[in-house]
Amino acid sequence: MKWVDLAKVLIPVVAALVPGAAPLAPLILSGVNEAEQLVSASGADKKAHVLRLVAAGAATATATGKVTIDPTTAVAVTEAVFAAVDGVHAVVNANQPKQVP
């Protein structure tokens, strides 16, 4: 299973479980969807793109005065969500039958 497919399913669930992540779930999902359009970018570049978008989104949300979301904290929370998705992805891949060429 591709990481991005698993991430789209797990991000809302993980965001509900990681303290402080729930309000960031839409930003994270939007960033993942946008990063997937960067076809020539590496996985690390796509992740960095998502982190930049989340930080910018947190700063923009804070600028409205309606909420306060520290961009550094938003990035740390996003990293925690990604770590959870990475862990599940590793387990899923480890349990896949090996393809014989």
PDB file of N, CA and C in Angstrom:
ATOM      1  N   MET A   1       0.848  -1.176   0.000  1.00  0.00           N
ATOM      2  CA  MET A   1       0.000   0.000   0.000  1.00  0.00           C
ATOM      3  C   MET A   1       0.895   1.240   0.000  1.00  0.00           C
ATOM      4  N   LYS A   2       0.512   2.214  -0.806  1.00  0.00           N
ATOM      5  CA  LYS A   2       1.278   3.456  -0.871  1.00  0.00           C
ATOM      6  C   LYS A   2       1.066   4.274   0.396  1.00  0.00           C
ATOM      7  N   TRP A   3       2.126   4.979   0.809  1.00  0.00           N
ATOM      8  CA  TRP A   3       2.076   5.795   2.012  1.00  0.00           C
ATOM      9  C   TRP A   3       0.949   6.814   1.921  1.00  0.00           C
ATOM     10  N   VAL A   4       0.831   7.475   0.792  1.00  0.00           N
ATOM     11  CA  VAL A   4      -0.160   8.550   0.662  1.00  0.00           C
ATOM     12  C   VAL A   4      -1.575   8.009   0.812  1.00  0.00           C
ATOM     13  N   ASP A   5      -1.852   6.830   0.291  1.00  0.00           N
ATOM     14  CA  ASP A   5      -3.186   6.250   0.432  1.00  0.00           C
ATOM     15  C   ASP A   5      -3.490   5.946   1.896  1.00  0.00           C
ATOM     16  N   LEU A   6      -2.517   5.383   2.571  1.00  0.00           N
ATOM     17  CA  LEU A   6      -2.671   5.085   3.992  1.00  0.00           C
ATOM     18  C   LEU A   6      -2.807   6.385   4.791  1.00  0.00           C
ATOM     19  N   ALA A   7      -2.028   7.379   4.443  1.00  0.00           N
ATOM     20  CA  ALA A   7      -2.061   8.660   5.159  1.00  0.00           C
ATOM     21  C   ALA A   7      -3.434   9.309   5.064  1.00  0.00           C
ATOM     22  N   LYS A   8      -4.050   9.261   3.907  1.00  0.00           N
ATOM     23  CA  LYS A   8      -5.361   9.892   3.727  1.00  0.00           C
ATOM     24  C   LYS A   8      -6.416   9.243   4.609  1.00  0.00           C
ATOM     25  N   VAL A   9      -6.264   7.960   4.888  1.00  0.00           N
ATOM     26  CA  VAL A   9      -7.191   7.260   5.766  1.00  0.00           C
ATOM     27  C   VAL A   9      -6.844   7.520   7.235  1.00  0.00           C
ATOM     28  N   LEU A  10      -5.555   7.484   7.551  1.00  0.00           N
ATOM     29  CA  LEU A  10      -5.126   7.550   8.948  1.00  0.00           C
ATOM     30  C   LEU A  10      -5.026   8.951   9.536  1.00  0.00           C
ATOM     31  N   ILE A  11      -4.746   9.954   8.737  1.00  0.00           N
ATOM     32  CA  ILE A  11      -4.530  11.296   9.288  1.00  0.00           C
ATOM     33  C   ILE A  11      -5.714  11.769  10.131  1.00  0.00           C
ATOM     34  N   PRO A  12      -6.949  11.638   9.672  1.00  0.00           N
ATOM     35  CA  PRO A  12      -8.053  12.071  10.538  1.00  0.00           C
ATOM     36  C   PRO A  12      -8.141  11.274  11.843  1.00  0.00           C
ATOM     37  N   VAL A  13      -7.855   9.979  11.774  1.00  0.00           N
ATOM     38  CA  VAL A  13      -7.911   9.135  12.970  1.00  0.00           C
ATOM     39  C   VAL A  13      -6.781   9.497  13.920  1.00  0.00           C
ATOM     40  N   VAL A  14      -5.566   9.575  13.393  1.00  0.00           N
ATOM     41  CA  VAL A  14      -4.408   9.900  14.230  1.00  0.00           C
ATOM     42  C   VAL A  14      -4.552  11.308  14.802  1.00  0.00           C
ATOM     43  N   ALA A  15      -5.046  12.224  14.001  1.00  0.00           N
ATOM     44  CA  ALA A  15      -5.209  13.602  14.469  1.00  0.00           C
ATOM     45  C   ALA A  15      -6.187  13.678  15.636  1.00  0.00           C
ATOM     46  N   ALA A  16      -7.145  12.776  15.648  1.00  0.00           N
ATOM     47  CA  ALA A  16      -8.085  12.747  16.772  1.00  0.00           C
ATOM     48  C   ALA A  16      -7.419  12.232  18.044  1.00  0.00           C
ATOM     49  N   LEU A  17      -6.341  11.465  17.895  1.00  0.00           N
ATOM     50  CA  LEU A  17      -5.667  10.857  19.047  1.00  0.00           C
ATOM     51  C   LEU A  17      -4.448  11.633  19.539  1.00  0.00           C
ATOM     52  N   VAL A  18      -3.782  12.354  18.653  1.00  0.00           N
ATOM     53  CA  VAL A  18      -2.591  13.120  19.027  1.00  0.00           C
ATOM     54  C   VAL A  18      -3.043  14.453  19.619  1.00  0.00           C
ATOM     55  N   PRO A  19      -2.650  14.735  20.860  1.00  0.00           N
ATOM     56  CA  PRO A  19      -3.073  15.998  21.481  1.00  0.00           C
ATOM     57  C   PRO A  19      -2.733  17.213  20.623  1.00  0.00           C
ATOM     58  N   GLY A  20      -3.736  18.038  20.382  1.00  0.00           N
ATOM     59  CA  GLY A  20      -3.546  19.272  19.625  1.00  0.00           C
ATOM     60  C   GLY A  20      -3.597  19.120  18.121  1.00  0.00           C
ATOM     61  N   ALA A  21      -3.741  17.896  17.633  1.00  0.00           N
ATOM     62  CA  ALA A  21      -3.665  17.689  16.184  1.00  0.00           C
ATOM     63  C   ALA A  21      -5.000  17.860  15.459  1.00  0.00           C
ATOM     64  N   ALA A  22      -6.101  17.690  16.141  1.00  0.00           N
ATOM     65  CA  ALA A  22      -7.405  17.717  15.463  1.00  0.00           C
ATOM     66  C   ALA A  22      -7.622  18.965  14.606  1.00  0.00           C
ATOM     67  N   PRO A  23      -7.338  20.166  15.110  1.00  0.00           N
ATOM     68  CA  PRO A  23      -7.566  21.345  14.265  1.00  0.00           C
ATOM     69  C   PRO A  23      -6.623  21.420  13.062  1.00  0.00           C
ATOM     70  N   LEU A  24      -5.522  20.665  13.123  1.00  0.00           N
ATOM     71  CA  LEU A  24      -4.546  20.698  12.035  1.00  0.00           C
ATOM     72  C   LEU A  24      -4.822  19.671  10.947  1.00  0.00           C
ATOM     73  N   ALA A  25      -5.693  18.715  11.211  1.00  0.00           N
ATOM     74  CA  ALA A  25      -5.948  17.640  10.248  1.00  0.00           C
ATOM     75  C   ALA A  25      -6.301  18.161   8.854  1.00  0.00           C
ATOM     76  N   PRO A  26      -7.196  19.144   8.728  1.00  0.00           N
ATOM     77  CA  PRO A  26      -7.496  19.642   7.372  1.00  0.00           C
ATOM     78  C   PRO A  26      -6.270  20.244   6.681  1.00  0.00           C
ATOM     79  N   LEU A  27      -5.441  20.956   7.446  1.00  0.00           N
ATOM     80  CA  LEU A  27      -4.213  21.529   6.867  1.00  0.00           C
ATOM     81  C   LEU A  27      -3.261  20.427   6.414  1.00  0.00           C
ATOM     82  N   ILE A  28      -3.116  19.404   7.249  1.00  0.00           N
ATOM     83  CA  ILE A  28      -2.207  18.303   6.918  1.00  0.00           C
ATOM     84  C   ILE A  28      -2.704  17.570   5.669  1.00  0.00           C
ATOM     85  N   LEU A  29      -3.987  17.251   5.643  1.00  0.00           N
ATOM     86  CA  LEU A  29      -4.548  16.541   4.476  1.00  0.00           C
ATOM     87  C   LEU A  29      -4.433  17.381   3.207  1.00  0.00           C
ATOM     88  N   SER A  30      -4.713  18.659   3.321  1.00  0.00           N
ATOM     89  CA  SER A  30      -4.585  19.544   2.162  1.00  0.00           C
ATOM     90  C   SER A  30      -3.146  19.584   1.676  1.00  0.00           C
ATOM     91  N   GLY A  31      -2.214  19.656   2.629  1.00  0.00           N
ATOM     92  CA  GLY A  31      -0.800  19.664   2.271  1.00  0.00           C
ATOM     93  C   GLY A  31      -0.367  18.377   1.601  1.00  0.00           C
ATOM     94  N   VAL A  32      -0.836  17.243   2.125  1.00  0.00           N
ATOM     95  CA  VAL A  32      -0.504  15.946   1.519  1.00  0.00           C
ATOM     96  C   VAL A  32      -1.050  15.881   0.096  1.00  0.00           C
ATOM     97  N   ASN A  33      -2.289  16.309  -0.087  1.00  0.00           N
ATOM     98  CA  ASN A  33      -2.884  16.296  -1.430  1.00  0.00           C
ATOM     99  C   ASN A  33      -2.114  17.196  -2.388  1.00  0.00           C
ATOM    100  N   GLU A  34      -1.728  18.371  -1.912  1.00  0.00           N
ATOM    101  CA  GLU A  34      -0.965  19.291  -2.757  1.00  0.00           C
ATOM    102  C   GLU A  34       0.422  18.723  -3.057  1.00  0.00           C
ATOM    103  N   ALA A  35       1.065  18.148  -2.060  1.00  0.00           N
ATOM    104  CA  ALA A  35       2.410  17.592  -2.245  1.00  0.00           C
ATOM    105  C   ALA A  35       2.397  16.448  -3.257  1.00  0.00           C
ATOM    106  N   GLU A  36       1.330  15.695  -3.295  1.00  0.00           N
ATOM    107  CA  GLU A  36       1.245  14.590  -4.249  1.00  0.00           C
ATOM    108  C   GLU A  36       1.236  15.077  -5.697  1.00  0.00           C
ATOM    109  N   GLN A  37       0.896  16.318  -5.909  1.00  0.00           N
ATOM    110  CA  GLN A  37       0.907  16.887  -7.259  1.00  0.00           C
ATOM    111  C   GLN A  37       2.324  17.249  -7.703  1.00  0.00           C
ATOM    112  N   LEU A  38       3.269  17.234  -6.775  1.00  0.00           N
ATOM    113  CA  LEU A  38       4.668  17.535  -7.091  1.00  0.00           C
ATOM    114  C   LEU A  38       5.336  16.234  -7.554  1.00  0.00           C
ATOM    115  N   VAL A  39       5.040  15.818  -8.767  1.00  0.00           N
ATOM    116  CA  VAL A  39       5.417  14.486  -9.243  1.00  0.00           C
ATOM    117  C   VAL A  39       6.923  14.234  -9.268  1.00  0.00           C
ATOM    118  N   SER A  40       7.719  15.236  -9.478  1.00  0.00           N
ATOM    119  CA  SER A  40       9.163  15.009  -9.552  1.00  0.00           C
ATOM    120  C   SER A  40       9.856  15.183  -8.195  1.00  0.00           C
ATOM    121  N   ALA A  41       9.096  15.547  -7.169  1.00  0.00           N
ATOM    122  CA  ALA A  41       9.691  15.773  -5.849  1.00  0.00           C
ATOM    123  C   ALA A  41       9.908  14.453  -5.113  1.00  0.00           C
ATOM    124  N   SER A  42      10.938  14.425  -4.290  1.00  0.00           N
ATOM    125  CA  SER A  42      11.206  13.243  -3.458  1.00  0.00           C
ATOM    126  C   SER A  42      10.212  13.213  -2.299  1.00  0.00           C
ATOM    127  N   GLY A  43      10.180  12.104  -1.602  1.00  0.00           N
ATOM    128  CA  GLY A  43       9.324  11.997  -0.432  1.00  0.00           C
ATOM    129  C   GLY A  43       9.684  13.040   0.618  1.00  0.00           C
ATOM    130  N   ALA A  44      10.975  13.250   0.809  1.00  0.00           N
ATOM    131  CA  ALA A  44      11.435  14.251   1.786  1.00  0.00           C
ATOM    132  C   ALA A  44      11.005  15.656   1.374  1.00  0.00           C
ATOM    133  N   ASP A  45      11.073  15.946   0.070  1.00  0.00           N
ATOM    134  CA  ASP A  45      10.644  17.259  -0.413  1.00  0.00           C
ATOM    135  C   ASP A  45       9.143  17.446  -0.229  1.00  0.00           C
ATOM    136  N   LYS A  46       8.385  16.385  -0.463  1.00  0.00           N
ATOM    137  CA  LYS A  46       6.927  16.458  -0.283  1.00  0.00           C
ATOM    138  C   LYS A  46       6.588  16.683   1.184  1.00  0.00           C
ATOM    139  N   LYS A  47       7.299  15.991   2.066  1.00  0.00           N
ATOM    140  CA  LYS A  47       7.067  16.165   3.503  1.00  0.00           C
ATOM    141  C   LYS A  47       7.390  17.600   3.910  1.00  0.00           C
ATOM    142  N   ALA A  48       8.505  18.128   3.434  1.00  0.00           N
ATOM    143  CA  ALA A  48       8.893  19.506   3.750  1.00  0.00           C
ATOM    144  C   ALA A  48       7.840  20.488   3.247  1.00  0.00           C
ATOM    145  N   HIS A  49       7.273  20.203   2.084  1.00  0.00           N
ATOM    146  CA  HIS A  49       6.221  21.051   1.522  1.00  0.00           C
ATOM    147  C   HIS A  49       5.013  21.066   2.458  1.00  0.00           C
ATOM    148  N   VAL A  50       4.606  19.892   2.930  1.00  0.00           N
ATOM    149  CA  VAL A  50       3.465  19.803   3.844  1.00  0.00           C
ATOM    150  C   VAL A  50       3.765  20.582   5.126  1.00  0.00           C
ATOM    151  N   LEU A  51       4.955  20.408   5.673  1.00  0.00           N
ATOM    152  CA  LEU A  51       5.307  21.102   6.914  1.00  0.00           C
ATOM    153  C   LEU A  51       5.278  22.619   6.738  1.00  0.00           C
ATOM    154  N   ARG A  52       5.749  23.094   5.587  1.00  0.00           N
ATOM    155  CA  ARG A  52       5.694  24.544   5.310  1.00  0.00           C
ATOM    156  C   ARG A  52       4.250  25.021   5.237  1.00  0.00           C
ATOM    157  N   LEU A  53       3.398  24.250   4.581  1.00  0.00           N
ATOM    158  CA  LEU A  53       1.987  24.638   4.465  1.00  0.00           C
ATOM    159  C   LEU A  53       1.295  24.652   5.824  1.00  0.00           C
ATOM    160  N   VAL A  54       1.598  23.672   6.655  1.00  0.00           N
ATOM    161  CA  VAL A  54       0.988  23.627   7.988  1.00  0.00           C
ATOM    162  C   VAL A  54       1.452  24.827   8.820  1.00  0.00           C
ATOM    163  N   ALA A  55       2.732  25.130   8.773  1.00  0.00           N
ATOM    164  CA  ALA A  55       3.250  26.282   9.524  1.00  0.00           C
ATOM    165  C   ALA A  55       2.602  27.575   9.035  1.00  0.00           C
ATOM    166  N   ALA A  56       2.497  27.728   7.727  1.00  0.00           N
ATOM    167  CA  ALA A  56       1.872  28.929   7.169  1.00  0.00           C
ATOM    168  C   ALA A  56       0.394  28.995   7.540  1.00  0.00           C
ATOM    169  N   GLY A  57      -0.280  27.851   7.500  1.00  0.00           N
ATOM    170  CA  GLY A  57      -1.691  27.814   7.878  1.00  0.00           C
ATOM    171  C   GLY A  57      -1.900  28.171   9.337  1.00  0.00           C
ATOM    172  N   ALA A  58      -1.016  27.691  10.199  1.00  0.00           N
ATOM    173  CA  ALA A  58      -1.107  28.019  11.620  1.00  0.00           C
ATOM    174  C   ALA A  58      -0.888  29.516  11.834  1.00  0.00           C
ATOM    175  N   ALA A  59       0.087  30.066  11.142  1.00  0.00           N
ATOM    176  CA  ALA A  59       0.353  31.503  11.262  1.00  0.00           C
ATOM    177  C   ALA A  59      -0.828  32.320  10.755  1.00  0.00           C
ATOM    178  N   THR A  60      -1.421  31.900   9.655  1.00  0.00           N
ATOM    179  CA  THR A  60      -2.575  32.603   9.099  1.00  0.00           C
ATOM    180  C   THR A  60      -3.764  32.526  10.038  1.00  0.00           C
ATOM    181  N   ALA A  61      -4.008  31.330  10.596  1.00  0.00           N
ATOM    182  CA  ALA A  61      -5.121  31.166  11.535  1.00  0.00           C
ATOM    183  C   ALA A  61      -4.928  32.050  12.765  1.00  0.00           C
ATOM    184  N   THR A  62      -3.703  32.133  13.244  1.00  0.00           N
ATOM    185  CA  THR A  62      -3.406  32.968  14.410  1.00  0.00           C
ATOM    186  C   THR A  62      -3.594  34.444  14.084  1.00  0.00           C
ATOM    187  N   ALA A  63      -3.251  34.826  12.867  1.00  0.00           N
ATOM    188  CA  ALA A  63      -3.378  36.229  12.455  1.00  0.00           C
ATOM    189  C   ALA A  63      -4.831  36.709  12.441  1.00  0.00           C
ATOM    190  N   THR A  64      -5.771  35.774  12.323  1.00  0.00           N
ATOM    191  CA  THR A  64      -7.189  36.167  12.339  1.00  0.00           C
ATOM    192  C   THR A  64      -7.613  36.636  13.727  1.00  0.00           C
ATOM    193  N   GLY A  65      -6.861  36.217  14.758  1.00  0.00           N
ATOM    194  CA  GLY A  65      -7.206  36.590  16.115  1.00  0.00           C
ATOM    195  C   GLY A  65      -8.246  35.680  16.749  1.00  0.00           C
ATOM    196  N   LYS A  66      -8.788  34.741  15.983  1.00  0.00           N
ATOM    197  CA  LYS A  66      -9.826  33.845  16.509  1.00  0.00           C
ATOM    198  C   LYS A  66      -9.247  32.635  17.228  1.00  0.00           C
ATOM    199  N   VAL A  67      -8.036  32.233  16.837  1.00  0.00           N
ATOM    200  CA  VAL A  67      -7.358  31.098  17.458  1.00  0.00           C
ATOM    201  C   VAL A  67      -5.887  31.437  17.616  1.00  0.00           C
ATOM    202  N   THR A  68      -5.214  30.670  18.428  1.00  0.00           N
ATOM    203  CA  THR A  68      -3.768  30.818  18.556  1.00  0.00           C
ATOM    204  C   THR A  68      -3.147  29.449  18.345  1.00  0.00           C
ATOM    205  N   ILE A  69      -2.443  29.304  17.228  1.00  0.00           N
ATOM    206  CA  ILE A  69      -1.750  28.058  16.917  1.00  0.00           C
ATOM    207  C   ILE A  69      -0.306  28.417  16.607  1.00  0.00           C
ATOM    208  N   ASP A  70       0.584  28.017  17.495  1.00  0.00           N
ATOM    209  CA  ASP A  70       1.994  28.286  17.293  1.00  0.00           C
ATOM    210  C   ASP A  70       2.487  27.469  16.100  1.00  0.00           C
ATOM    211  N   PRO A  71       3.061  28.102  15.068  1.00  0.00           N
ATOM    212  CA  PRO A  71       3.531  27.364  13.894  1.00  0.00           C
ATOM    213  C   PRO A  71       4.551  26.279  14.224  1.00  0.00           C
ATOM    214  N   THR A  72       5.430  26.534  15.180  1.00  0.00           N
ATOM    215  CA  THR A  72       6.425  25.524  15.558  1.00  0.00           C
ATOM    216  C   THR A  72       5.743  24.310  16.172  1.00  0.00           C
ATOM    217  N   THR A  73       4.760  24.552  17.010  1.00  0.00           N
ATOM    218  CA  THR A  73       3.994  23.453  17.604  1.00  0.00           C
ATOM    219  C   THR A  73       3.210  22.717  16.528  1.00  0.00           C
ATOM    220  N   ALA A  74       2.642  23.446  15.588  1.00  0.00           N
ATOM    221  CA  ALA A  74       1.882  22.820  14.500  1.00  0.00           C
ATOM    222  C   ALA A  74       2.770  21.883  13.697  1.00  0.00           C
ATOM    223  N   VAL A  75       4.002  22.291  13.442  1.00  0.00           N
ATOM    224  CA  VAL A  75       4.949  21.442  12.707  1.00  0.00           C
ATOM    225  C   VAL A  75       5.299  20.209  13.541  1.00  0.00           C
ATOM    226  N   ALA A  76       5.531  20.391  14.838  1.00  0.00           N
ATOM    227  CA  ALA A  76       5.854  19.253  15.714  1.00  0.00           C
ATOM    228  C   ALA A  76       4.692  18.261  15.766  1.00  0.00           C
ATOM    229  N   VAL A  77       3.476  18.764  15.837  1.00  0.00           N
ATOM    230  CA  VAL A  77       2.301  17.891  15.852  1.00  0.00           C
ATOM    231  C   VAL A  77       2.182  17.151  14.522  1.00  0.00           C
ATOM    232  N   THR A  78       2.423  17.849  13.427  1.00  0.00           N
ATOM    233  CA  THR A  78       2.375  17.213  12.107  1.00  0.00           C
ATOM    234  C   THR A  78       3.423  16.117  12.005  1.00  0.00           C
ATOM    235  N   GLU A  79       4.604  16.368  12.530  1.00  0.00           N
ATOM    236  CA  GLU A  79       5.664  15.345  12.551  1.00  0.00           C
ATOM    237  C   GLU A  79       5.202  14.125  13.342  1.00  0.00           C
ATOM    238  N   ALA A  80       4.505  14.333  14.459  1.00  0.00           N
ATOM    239  CA  ALA A  80       3.998  13.218  15.267  1.00  0.00           C
ATOM    240  C   ALA A  80       2.949  12.422  14.483  1.00  0.00           C
ATOM    241  N   VAL A  81       2.087  13.115  13.765  1.00  0.00           N
ATOM    242  CA  VAL A  81       1.080  12.441  12.938  1.00  0.00           C
ATOM    243  C   VAL A  81       1.777  11.626  11.848  1.00  0.00           C
ATOM    244  N   PHE A  82       2.764  12.222  11.200  1.00  0.00           N
ATOM    245  CA  PHE A  82       3.507  11.498  10.160  1.00  0.00           C
ATOM    246  C   PHE A  82       4.231  10.286  10.737  1.00  0.00           C
ATOM    247  N   ALA A  83       4.787  10.413  11.934  1.00  0.00           N
ATOM    248  CA  ALA A  83       5.476   9.284  12.563  1.00  0.00           C
ATOM    249  C   ALA A  83       4.498   8.122  12.798  1.00  0.00           C
ATOM    250  N   ALA A  84       3.293   8.438  13.218  1.00  0.00           N
ATOM    251  CA  ALA A  84       2.286   7.394  13.423  1.00  0.00           C
ATOM    252  C   ALA A  84       1.929   6.725  12.098  1.00  0.00           C
ATOM    253  N   VAL A  85       1.739   7.523  11.057  1.00  0.00           N
ATOM    254  CA  VAL A  85       1.426   6.963   9.733  1.00  0.00           C
ATOM    255  C   VAL A  85       2.603   6.124   9.241  1.00  0.00           C
ATOM    256  N   ASP A  86       3.833   6.609   9.439  1.00  0.00           N
ATOM    257  CA  ASP A  86       5.023   5.849   9.035  1.00  0.00           C
ATOM    258  C   ASP A  86       5.064   4.491   9.729  1.00  0.00           C
ATOM    259  N   GLY A  87       4.732   4.467  11.008  1.00  0.00           N
ATOM    260  CA  GLY A  87       4.738   3.216  11.758  1.00  0.00           C
ATOM    261  C   GLY A  87       3.731   2.219  11.230  1.00  0.00           C
ATOM    262  N   VAL A  88       2.522   2.679  10.987  1.00  0.00           N
ATOM    263  CA  VAL A  88       1.492   1.789  10.434  1.00  0.00           C
ATOM    264  C   VAL A  88       1.885   1.338   9.034  1.00  0.00           C
ATOM    265  N   HIS A  89       2.451   2.235   8.252  1.00  0.00           N
ATOM    266  CA  HIS A  89       2.880   1.903   6.897  1.00  0.00           C
ATOM    267  C   HIS A  89       3.936   0.802   6.926  1.00  0.00           C
ATOM    268  N   ALA A  90       4.878   0.894   7.858  1.00  0.00           N
ATOM    269  CA  ALA A  90       5.925  -0.128   7.981  1.00  0.00           C
ATOM    270  C   ALA A  90       5.314  -1.487   8.331  1.00  0.00           C
ATOM    271  N   VAL A  91       4.347  -1.487   9.231  1.00  0.00           N
ATOM    272  CA  VAL A  91       3.689  -2.740   9.619  1.00  0.00           C
ATOM    273  C   VAL A  91       2.922  -3.326   8.437  1.00  0.00           C
ATOM    274  N   VAL A  92       2.195  -2.495   7.728  1.00  0.00           N
ATOM    275  CA  VAL A  92       1.425  -2.966   6.562  1.00  0.00           C
ATOM    276  C   VAL A  92       2.368  -3.562   5.524  1.00  0.00           C
ATOM    277  N   ASN A  93       3.459  -2.871   5.232  1.00  0.00           N
ATOM    278  CA  ASN A  93       4.406  -3.362   4.225  1.00  0.00           C
ATOM    279  C   ASN A  93       5.099  -4.638   4.670  1.00  0.00           C
ATOM    280  N   ALA A  94       5.387  -4.760   5.956  1.00  0.00           N
ATOM    281  CA  ALA A  94       6.063  -5.959   6.461  1.00  0.00           C
ATOM    282  C   ALA A  94       5.163  -7.196   6.355  1.00  0.00           C
ATOM    283  N   ASN A  95       3.872  -6.976   6.325  1.00  0.00           N
ATOM    284  CA  ASN A  95       2.924  -8.086   6.273  1.00  0.00           C
ATOM    285  C   ASN A  95       2.391  -8.372   4.873  1.00  0.00           C
ATOM    286  N   GLN A  96       2.927  -7.688   3.887  1.00  0.00           N
ATOM    287  CA  GLN A  96       2.521  -7.919   2.495  1.00  0.00           C
ATOM    288  C   GLN A  96       3.253  -9.153   1.964  1.00  0.00           C
ATOM    289  N   PRO A  97       2.557 -10.002   1.221  1.00  0.00           N
ATOM    290  CA  PRO A  97       3.256 -11.136   0.611  1.00  0.00           C
ATOM    291  C   PRO A  97       4.316 -10.628  -0.363  1.00  0.00           C
ATOM    292  N   LYS A  98       5.441 -11.303  -0.382  1.00  0.00           N
ATOM    293  CA  LYS A  98       6.531 -10.917  -1.284  1.00  0.00           C
ATOM    294  C   LYS A  98       6.165 -11.304  -2.719  1.00  0.00           C
ATOM    295  N   GLN A  99       6.412 -10.380  -3.634  1.00  0.00           N
ATOM    296  CA  GLN A  99       6.160 -10.617  -5.042  1.00  0.00           C
ATOM    297  C   GLN A  99       7.370 -11.314  -5.646  1.00  0.00           C
ATOM    298  N   VAL A 100       7.132 -12.398  -6.322  1.00  0.00           N
ATOM    299  CA  VAL A 100       8.211 -13.117  -6.999  1.00  0.00           C
ATOM    300  C   VAL A 100       8.233 -12.661  -8.454  1.00  0.00           C
ATOM    301  N   PRO A 101       9.404 -12.170  -8.920  1.00  0.00           N
ATOM    302  CA  PRO A 101       9.461 -11.660 -10.299  1.00  0.00           C
ATOM    303  C   PRO A 101       9.303 -12.757 -11.330  1.00  0.00           C
TER     304      PRO A 101
END
